[in-house]
Amino acid sequence: MSQMLQMFQQAGAAQFSAMIGQVAPYFASIAPQMVELRPGYAEVHFAKRREVLNHIGTVHAIALCNAAELAAGSMTDASIAPGCRWIPKGMTVQYLAKADGDIRAVADGSEVDWSQTGDIMVPVMAYVGEKPVFRAEITMYVSQA
């Protein structure tokens, strides 16, 4: 079991969410709440608040990217084979609608072959309520440690 998944299970969602900003300080900028983490799935929420807004009062594109990377990275860590490591290599994003509320970012890796190494494409969708507002495909480079 990955250290990240073990930390999530032992600490619980609230404490894990507080700790993630210590591990990777930039993630703290969106004040994320990791709601669920398991192999093949991660869900991160963050509130629409002044610190994450753009000039038109919607959630800033980079805040959405930040949540997507946190969800995808956490899920990748929980999903890859023992003895492997990962690093994000690239991200392609699409903005689907104005992000005018609290955000729910979901990395669903149920269709990913986690036994492979090399470039793995990790899909992430972000929603306001049930409305899709953002789609990302994050390339994770997975290699033997």
N, C-alpha and C. Protein backbone atom coordinates (compact mmCIF):
# COMPACT_ATOMS: atom_id res chain seq x y z
N MET A 1 0.84 -1.18 0.00
CA MET A 1 0.00 0.00 0.00
C MET A 1 0.89 1.25 0.00
N SER A 2 0.51 2.24 -0.79
CA SER A 2 1.31 3.45 -0.87
C SER A 2 1.28 4.21 0.46
N GLN A 3 2.34 4.99 0.70
CA GLN A 3 2.39 5.80 1.92
C GLN A 3 1.25 6.81 1.95
N MET A 4 0.92 7.39 0.78
CA MET A 4 -0.14 8.39 0.74
C MET A 4 -1.48 7.76 1.10
N LEU A 5 -1.78 6.60 0.55
CA LEU A 5 -3.03 5.92 0.85
C LEU A 5 -3.07 5.50 2.32
N GLN A 6 -1.96 5.01 2.82
CA GLN A 6 -1.89 4.61 4.22
C GLN A 6 -2.12 5.82 5.13
N MET A 7 -1.52 6.96 4.78
CA MET A 7 -1.69 8.18 5.55
C MET A 7 -3.16 8.63 5.53
N PHE A 8 -3.81 8.55 4.37
CA PHE A 8 -5.22 8.92 4.26
C PHE A 8 -6.09 8.02 5.13
N GLN A 9 -5.84 6.73 5.07
CA GLN A 9 -6.66 5.78 5.83
C GLN A 9 -6.45 5.92 7.34
N GLN A 10 -5.21 6.17 7.75
CA GLN A 10 -4.93 6.27 9.18
C GLN A 10 -5.35 7.61 9.77
N ALA A 11 -5.10 8.69 9.05
CA ALA A 11 -5.38 10.03 9.58
C ALA A 11 -6.83 10.43 9.39
N GLY A 12 -7.47 9.90 8.37
CA GLY A 12 -8.83 10.33 8.03
C GLY A 12 -8.78 11.50 7.07
N ALA A 13 -9.90 11.75 6.43
CA ALA A 13 -9.97 12.75 5.37
C ALA A 13 -9.60 14.15 5.85
N ALA A 14 -10.13 14.58 6.98
CA ALA A 14 -9.90 15.96 7.45
C ALA A 14 -8.43 16.19 7.80
N GLN A 15 -7.84 15.30 8.57
CA GLN A 15 -6.44 15.48 8.96
C GLN A 15 -5.51 15.30 7.76
N PHE A 16 -5.80 14.36 6.89
CA PHE A 16 -5.00 14.18 5.68
C PHE A 16 -5.01 15.47 4.86
N SER A 17 -6.17 16.07 4.72
CA SER A 17 -6.29 17.31 3.95
C SER A 17 -5.44 18.42 4.54
N ALA A 18 -5.39 18.51 5.85
CA ALA A 18 -4.55 19.51 6.51
C ALA A 18 -3.07 19.20 6.29
N MET A 19 -2.71 17.93 6.28
CA MET A 19 -1.31 17.53 6.14
C MET A 19 -0.79 17.68 4.72
N ILE A 20 -1.65 17.58 3.71
CA ILE A 20 -1.18 17.59 2.33
C ILE A 20 -0.47 18.90 1.99
N GLY A 21 -0.93 20.00 2.60
CA GLY A 21 -0.27 21.29 2.39
C GLY A 21 1.12 21.35 2.99
N GLN A 22 1.40 20.49 3.95
CA GLN A 22 2.73 20.41 4.53
C GLN A 22 3.66 19.62 3.62
N VAL A 23 3.12 18.57 3.00
CA VAL A 23 3.90 17.73 2.10
C VAL A 23 4.21 18.48 0.80
N ALA A 24 3.22 19.14 0.24
CA ALA A 24 3.36 19.90 -1.00
C ALA A 24 2.70 21.27 -0.78
N PRO A 25 3.45 22.24 -0.32
CA PRO A 25 2.86 23.52 0.13
C PRO A 25 1.97 24.24 -0.88
N TYR A 26 2.23 24.10 -2.17
CA TYR A 26 1.42 24.83 -3.14
C TYR A 26 -0.05 24.39 -3.10
N PHE A 27 -0.30 23.12 -2.80
CA PHE A 27 -1.68 22.66 -2.73
C PHE A 27 -2.48 23.40 -1.67
N ALA A 28 -1.83 23.89 -0.62
CA ALA A 28 -2.53 24.62 0.43
C ALA A 28 -3.21 25.88 -0.10
N SER A 29 -2.78 26.39 -1.25
CA SER A 29 -3.35 27.63 -1.79
C SER A 29 -4.83 27.50 -2.11
N ILE A 30 -5.32 26.29 -2.34
CA ILE A 30 -6.75 26.10 -2.62
C ILE A 30 -7.51 25.55 -1.41
N ALA A 31 -6.82 25.31 -0.31
CA ALA A 31 -7.43 24.73 0.90
C ALA A 31 -8.26 23.48 0.55
N PRO A 32 -7.61 22.48 -0.03
CA PRO A 32 -8.35 21.31 -0.51
C PRO A 32 -8.83 20.41 0.61
N GLN A 33 -9.92 19.71 0.34
CA GLN A 33 -10.41 18.66 1.22
C GLN A 33 -10.43 17.37 0.40
N MET A 34 -9.57 16.43 0.78
CA MET A 34 -9.57 15.13 0.12
C MET A 34 -10.75 14.35 0.68
N VAL A 35 -11.73 14.08 -0.14
CA VAL A 35 -12.96 13.43 0.30
C VAL A 35 -12.81 11.91 0.24
N GLU A 36 -12.19 11.44 -0.83
CA GLU A 36 -12.03 9.99 -1.00
C GLU A 36 -10.73 9.72 -1.74
N LEU A 37 -10.04 8.67 -1.31
CA LEU A 37 -8.82 8.24 -1.98
C LEU A 37 -8.75 6.72 -1.88
N ARG A 38 -8.64 6.10 -3.04
CA ARG A 38 -8.47 4.65 -3.11
C ARG A 38 -7.79 4.34 -4.44
N PRO A 39 -7.25 3.14 -4.61
CA PRO A 39 -6.68 2.82 -5.92
C PRO A 39 -7.72 3.04 -7.03
N GLY A 40 -7.34 3.82 -8.03
CA GLY A 40 -8.23 4.07 -9.16
C GLY A 40 -9.21 5.21 -8.98
N TYR A 41 -9.19 5.91 -7.83
CA TYR A 41 -10.16 6.98 -7.62
C TYR A 41 -9.68 7.96 -6.55
N ALA A 42 -9.87 9.25 -6.84
CA ALA A 42 -9.64 10.29 -5.83
C ALA A 42 -10.63 11.42 -6.07
N GLU A 43 -11.09 12.01 -4.98
CA GLU A 43 -12.02 13.13 -5.06
C GLU A 43 -11.56 14.22 -4.10
N VAL A 44 -11.41 15.43 -4.65
CA VAL A 44 -10.95 16.59 -3.90
C VAL A 44 -12.00 17.69 -4.04
N HIS A 45 -12.33 18.34 -2.93
CA HIS A 45 -13.23 19.49 -2.96
C HIS A 45 -12.46 20.74 -2.51
N PHE A 46 -12.87 21.89 -3.03
CA PHE A 46 -12.43 23.15 -2.46
C PHE A 46 -13.50 24.21 -2.68
N ALA A 47 -13.54 25.14 -1.74
CA ALA A 47 -14.59 26.15 -1.75
C ALA A 47 -14.26 27.32 -2.66
N LYS A 48 -15.29 27.86 -3.26
CA LYS A 48 -15.16 29.13 -3.98
C LYS A 48 -15.02 30.21 -2.91
N ARG A 49 -13.86 30.83 -2.88
CA ARG A 49 -13.59 31.92 -1.95
C ARG A 49 -12.66 32.90 -2.62
N ARG A 50 -12.53 34.07 -2.07
CA ARG A 50 -11.80 35.16 -2.71
C ARG A 50 -10.41 34.75 -3.20
N GLU A 51 -9.71 33.95 -2.43
CA GLU A 51 -8.32 33.59 -2.76
C GLU A 51 -8.19 32.77 -4.04
N VAL A 52 -9.25 32.17 -4.52
CA VAL A 52 -9.16 31.33 -5.72
C VAL A 52 -9.91 31.92 -6.92
N LEU A 53 -10.33 33.17 -6.80
CA LEU A 53 -11.12 33.79 -7.87
C LEU A 53 -10.26 34.52 -8.89
N ASN A 54 -10.81 34.66 -10.08
CA ASN A 54 -10.18 35.46 -11.13
C ASN A 54 -10.87 36.83 -11.18
N HIS A 55 -10.55 37.60 -12.19
CA HIS A 55 -11.07 38.97 -12.30
C HIS A 55 -12.56 39.05 -12.60
N ILE A 56 -13.19 37.96 -13.03
CA ILE A 56 -14.64 37.98 -13.30
C ILE A 56 -15.44 37.29 -12.20
N GLY A 57 -14.77 36.91 -11.12
CA GLY A 57 -15.47 36.34 -9.98
C GLY A 57 -15.76 34.86 -10.05
N THR A 58 -15.10 34.16 -10.98
CA THR A 58 -15.24 32.71 -11.03
C THR A 58 -13.93 32.08 -10.57
N VAL A 59 -13.95 30.78 -10.33
CA VAL A 59 -12.75 30.08 -9.86
C VAL A 59 -11.69 30.12 -10.95
N HIS A 60 -10.50 30.53 -10.56
CA HIS A 60 -9.38 30.71 -11.48
C HIS A 60 -8.96 29.38 -12.10
N ALA A 61 -8.55 29.44 -13.35
CA ALA A 61 -8.13 28.26 -14.10
C ALA A 61 -7.01 27.50 -13.39
N ILE A 62 -6.07 28.21 -12.82
CA ILE A 62 -4.94 27.54 -12.17
C ILE A 62 -5.36 26.86 -10.87
N ALA A 63 -6.36 27.39 -10.19
CA ALA A 63 -6.89 26.71 -9.01
C ALA A 63 -7.50 25.37 -9.42
N LEU A 64 -8.19 25.36 -10.56
CA LEU A 64 -8.74 24.10 -11.07
C LEU A 64 -7.63 23.12 -11.43
N CYS A 65 -6.56 23.62 -12.06
CA CYS A 65 -5.41 22.77 -12.39
C CYS A 65 -4.76 22.21 -11.13
N ASN A 66 -4.67 23.04 -10.09
CA ASN A 66 -4.08 22.61 -8.83
C ASN A 66 -4.88 21.45 -8.23
N ALA A 67 -6.20 21.57 -8.21
CA ALA A 67 -7.05 20.49 -7.69
C ALA A 67 -6.92 19.24 -8.54
N ALA A 68 -6.85 19.42 -9.86
CA ALA A 68 -6.72 18.27 -10.76
C ALA A 68 -5.41 17.54 -10.51
N GLU A 69 -4.33 18.28 -10.35
CA GLU A 69 -3.04 17.64 -10.09
C GLU A 69 -3.02 16.92 -8.75
N LEU A 70 -3.64 17.51 -7.74
CA LEU A 70 -3.71 16.85 -6.43
C LEU A 70 -4.51 15.55 -6.52
N ALA A 71 -5.66 15.59 -7.17
CA ALA A 71 -6.48 14.38 -7.29
C ALA A 71 -5.75 13.32 -8.11
N ALA A 72 -5.20 13.72 -9.25
CA ALA A 72 -4.53 12.75 -10.12
C ALA A 72 -3.27 12.19 -9.47
N GLY A 73 -2.49 13.04 -8.82
CA GLY A 73 -1.26 12.58 -8.18
C GLY A 73 -1.53 11.65 -7.02
N SER A 74 -2.50 12.00 -6.20
CA SER A 74 -2.85 11.15 -5.06
C SER A 74 -3.35 9.79 -5.53
N MET A 75 -4.22 9.82 -6.54
CA MET A 75 -4.75 8.56 -7.07
C MET A 75 -3.63 7.74 -7.70
N THR A 76 -2.75 8.38 -8.46
CA THR A 76 -1.64 7.66 -9.08
C THR A 76 -0.79 6.99 -8.01
N ASP A 77 -0.49 7.73 -6.95
CA ASP A 77 0.32 7.18 -5.87
C ASP A 77 -0.35 5.96 -5.24
N ALA A 78 -1.67 6.02 -5.09
CA ALA A 78 -2.41 4.92 -4.49
C ALA A 78 -2.61 3.74 -5.45
N SER A 79 -2.36 3.95 -6.74
CA SER A 79 -2.72 2.95 -7.75
C SER A 79 -1.55 2.21 -8.38
N ILE A 80 -0.38 2.83 -8.42
CA ILE A 80 0.74 2.20 -9.13
C ILE A 80 1.26 0.98 -8.37
N ALA A 81 1.97 0.15 -9.09
CA ALA A 81 2.50 -1.08 -8.51
C ALA A 81 3.55 -0.78 -7.44
N PRO A 82 3.66 -1.64 -6.45
CA PRO A 82 4.72 -1.47 -5.44
C PRO A 82 6.08 -1.41 -6.13
N GLY A 83 6.97 -0.58 -5.62
CA GLY A 83 8.30 -0.45 -6.20
C GLY A 83 8.38 0.55 -7.33
N CYS A 84 7.27 1.22 -7.62
CA CYS A 84 7.27 2.24 -8.67
C CYS A 84 7.16 3.63 -8.06
N ARG A 85 7.53 4.61 -8.85
CA ARG A 85 7.37 6.01 -8.47
C ARG A 85 6.78 6.75 -9.66
N TRP A 86 6.35 7.99 -9.44
CA TRP A 86 5.68 8.75 -10.48
C TRP A 86 6.04 10.23 -10.37
N ILE A 87 5.84 10.92 -11.47
CA ILE A 87 5.99 12.38 -11.49
C ILE A 87 5.09 12.90 -12.61
N PRO A 88 4.42 14.04 -12.38
CA PRO A 88 3.62 14.60 -13.47
C PRO A 88 4.54 15.10 -14.58
N LYS A 89 4.15 14.83 -15.80
CA LYS A 89 4.97 15.18 -16.97
C LYS A 89 4.30 16.24 -17.84
N GLY A 90 2.97 16.30 -17.80
CA GLY A 90 2.25 17.27 -18.61
C GLY A 90 0.79 17.27 -18.26
N MET A 91 0.10 18.34 -18.70
CA MET A 91 -1.33 18.45 -18.43
C MET A 91 -1.99 19.16 -19.60
N THR A 92 -3.07 18.57 -20.09
CA THR A 92 -3.90 19.19 -21.10
C THR A 92 -5.24 19.48 -20.45
N VAL A 93 -5.74 20.70 -20.62
CA VAL A 93 -6.98 21.07 -19.95
C VAL A 93 -7.98 21.67 -20.92
N GLN A 94 -9.23 21.54 -20.56
CA GLN A 94 -10.33 22.18 -21.28
C GLN A 94 -11.24 22.81 -20.23
N TYR A 95 -11.61 24.06 -20.48
CA TYR A 95 -12.54 24.76 -19.61
C TYR A 95 -13.90 24.65 -20.26
N LEU A 96 -14.84 24.00 -19.60
CA LEU A 96 -16.12 23.64 -20.19
C LEU A 96 -17.23 24.63 -19.87
N ALA A 97 -17.14 25.29 -18.72
CA ALA A 97 -18.16 26.25 -18.30
C ALA A 97 -17.56 27.11 -17.18
N LYS A 98 -18.21 28.22 -16.89
CA LYS A 98 -17.74 29.06 -15.79
C LYS A 98 -17.81 28.27 -14.48
N ALA A 99 -16.72 28.31 -13.75
CA ALA A 99 -16.66 27.64 -12.45
C ALA A 99 -17.13 28.65 -11.40
N ASP A 100 -18.44 28.69 -11.20
CA ASP A 100 -19.05 29.74 -10.39
C ASP A 100 -19.52 29.27 -9.02
N GLY A 101 -18.90 28.21 -8.51
CA GLY A 101 -19.26 27.69 -7.19
C GLY A 101 -18.17 26.81 -6.63
N ASP A 102 -18.48 26.14 -5.55
CA ASP A 102 -17.52 25.21 -4.94
C ASP A 102 -17.18 24.11 -5.94
N ILE A 103 -15.94 23.63 -5.86
CA ILE A 103 -15.40 22.69 -6.85
C ILE A 103 -15.28 21.29 -6.28
N ARG A 104 -15.63 20.32 -7.11
CA ARG A 104 -15.40 18.89 -6.83
C ARG A 104 -14.58 18.35 -7.99
N ALA A 105 -13.33 17.97 -7.73
CA ALA A 105 -12.44 17.41 -8.75
C ALA A 105 -12.33 15.91 -8.54
N VAL A 106 -12.59 15.15 -9.61
CA VAL A 106 -12.61 13.70 -9.54
C VAL A 106 -11.61 13.12 -10.53
N ALA A 107 -10.67 12.34 -10.02
CA ALA A 107 -9.75 11.57 -10.86
C ALA A 107 -10.27 10.14 -10.85
N ASP A 108 -10.73 9.69 -12.01
CA ASP A 108 -11.26 8.34 -12.13
C ASP A 108 -10.30 7.53 -13.01
N GLY A 109 -9.53 6.69 -12.36
CA GLY A 109 -8.56 5.87 -13.08
C GLY A 109 -9.00 4.43 -13.22
N SER A 110 -10.29 4.20 -13.19
CA SER A 110 -10.79 2.82 -13.27
C SER A 110 -10.49 2.16 -14.62
N GLU A 111 -10.26 2.96 -15.65
CA GLU A 111 -9.95 2.41 -16.98
C GLU A 111 -8.45 2.40 -17.28
N VAL A 112 -7.63 2.81 -16.33
CA VAL A 112 -6.18 2.90 -16.53
C VAL A 112 -5.52 1.58 -16.17
N ASP A 113 -4.55 1.16 -16.98
CA ASP A 113 -3.76 -0.03 -16.68
C ASP A 113 -2.61 0.39 -15.76
N TRP A 114 -2.80 0.20 -14.46
CA TRP A 114 -1.83 0.66 -13.47
C TRP A 114 -0.61 -0.26 -13.36
N SER A 115 -0.58 -1.35 -14.09
CA SER A 115 0.57 -2.24 -14.04
C SER A 115 1.69 -1.79 -14.97
N GLN A 116 1.40 -0.85 -15.85
CA GLN A 116 2.40 -0.41 -16.83
C GLN A 116 3.31 0.68 -16.25
N THR A 117 4.44 0.87 -16.91
CA THR A 117 5.32 1.99 -16.60
C THR A 117 5.39 2.87 -17.85
N GLY A 118 6.05 4.00 -17.71
CA GLY A 118 6.10 4.97 -18.80
C GLY A 118 5.01 6.00 -18.62
N ASP A 119 4.57 6.60 -19.72
CA ASP A 119 3.54 7.63 -19.68
C ASP A 119 2.16 7.01 -19.46
N ILE A 120 1.49 7.47 -18.43
CA ILE A 120 0.13 7.04 -18.13
C ILE A 120 -0.75 8.29 -18.15
N MET A 121 -1.84 8.23 -18.91
CA MET A 121 -2.76 9.35 -19.01
C MET A 121 -3.84 9.21 -17.94
N VAL A 122 -3.92 10.23 -17.09
CA VAL A 122 -4.86 10.20 -15.96
C VAL A 122 -5.95 11.24 -16.20
N PRO A 123 -7.22 10.82 -16.30
CA PRO A 123 -8.31 11.77 -16.54
C PRO A 123 -8.83 12.37 -15.23
N VAL A 124 -9.16 13.67 -15.30
CA VAL A 124 -9.76 14.36 -14.16
C VAL A 124 -10.90 15.24 -14.69
N MET A 125 -12.00 15.23 -13.97
CA MET A 125 -13.12 16.13 -14.26
C MET A 125 -13.40 16.96 -13.02
N ALA A 126 -13.76 18.23 -13.24
CA ALA A 126 -14.15 19.09 -12.12
C ALA A 126 -15.57 19.57 -12.36
N TYR A 127 -16.30 19.67 -11.26
CA TYR A 127 -17.72 20.00 -11.31
C TYR A 127 -18.05 21.11 -10.32
N VAL A 128 -19.07 21.89 -10.65
CA VAL A 128 -19.78 22.74 -9.70
C VAL A 128 -21.15 22.10 -9.58
N GLY A 129 -21.44 21.54 -8.43
CA GLY A 129 -22.64 20.71 -8.32
C GLY A 129 -22.50 19.54 -9.26
N GLU A 130 -23.45 19.37 -10.17
CA GLU A 130 -23.37 18.31 -11.17
C GLU A 130 -22.90 18.83 -12.53
N LYS A 131 -22.64 20.14 -12.62
CA LYS A 131 -22.24 20.77 -13.89
C LYS A 131 -20.74 20.57 -14.12
N PRO A 132 -20.34 19.90 -15.21
CA PRO A 132 -18.91 19.79 -15.54
C PRO A 132 -18.38 21.17 -15.97
N VAL A 133 -17.27 21.58 -15.33
CA VAL A 133 -16.70 22.89 -15.65
C VAL A 133 -15.28 22.80 -16.19
N PHE A 134 -14.65 21.64 -16.07
CA PHE A 134 -13.22 21.52 -16.38
C PHE A 134 -12.90 20.06 -16.62
N ARG A 135 -12.05 19.83 -17.62
CA ARG A 135 -11.56 18.48 -17.90
C ARG A 135 -10.04 18.57 -18.06
N ALA A 136 -9.34 17.60 -17.48
CA ALA A 136 -7.89 17.55 -17.63
C ALA A 136 -7.46 16.13 -17.94
N GLU A 137 -6.37 16.04 -18.67
CA GLU A 137 -5.69 14.76 -18.87
C GLU A 137 -4.24 15.03 -18.45
N ILE A 138 -3.84 14.34 -17.41
CA ILE A 138 -2.51 14.57 -16.85
C ILE A 138 -1.64 13.37 -17.19
N THR A 139 -0.51 13.66 -17.82
CA THR A 139 0.45 12.62 -18.14
C THR A 139 1.34 12.40 -16.93
N MET A 140 1.27 11.20 -16.37
CA MET A 140 2.14 10.81 -15.26
C MET A 140 3.20 9.86 -15.79
N TYR A 141 4.44 10.17 -15.48
CA TYR A 141 5.52 9.27 -15.86
C TYR A 141 5.77 8.34 -14.70
N VAL A 142 5.55 7.05 -14.92
CA VAL A 142 5.71 6.02 -13.90
C VAL A 142 6.94 5.18 -14.25
N SER A 143 7.80 4.98 -13.24
CA SER A 143 9.01 4.18 -13.47
C SER A 143 9.30 3.33 -12.24
N GLN A 144 10.19 2.38 -12.41
CA GLN A 144 10.65 1.59 -11.29
C GLN A 144 11.47 2.49 -10.37
N ALA A 145 11.29 2.35 -9.09
CA ALA A 145 12.02 3.18 -8.12
C ALA A 145 13.49 2.79 -8.05
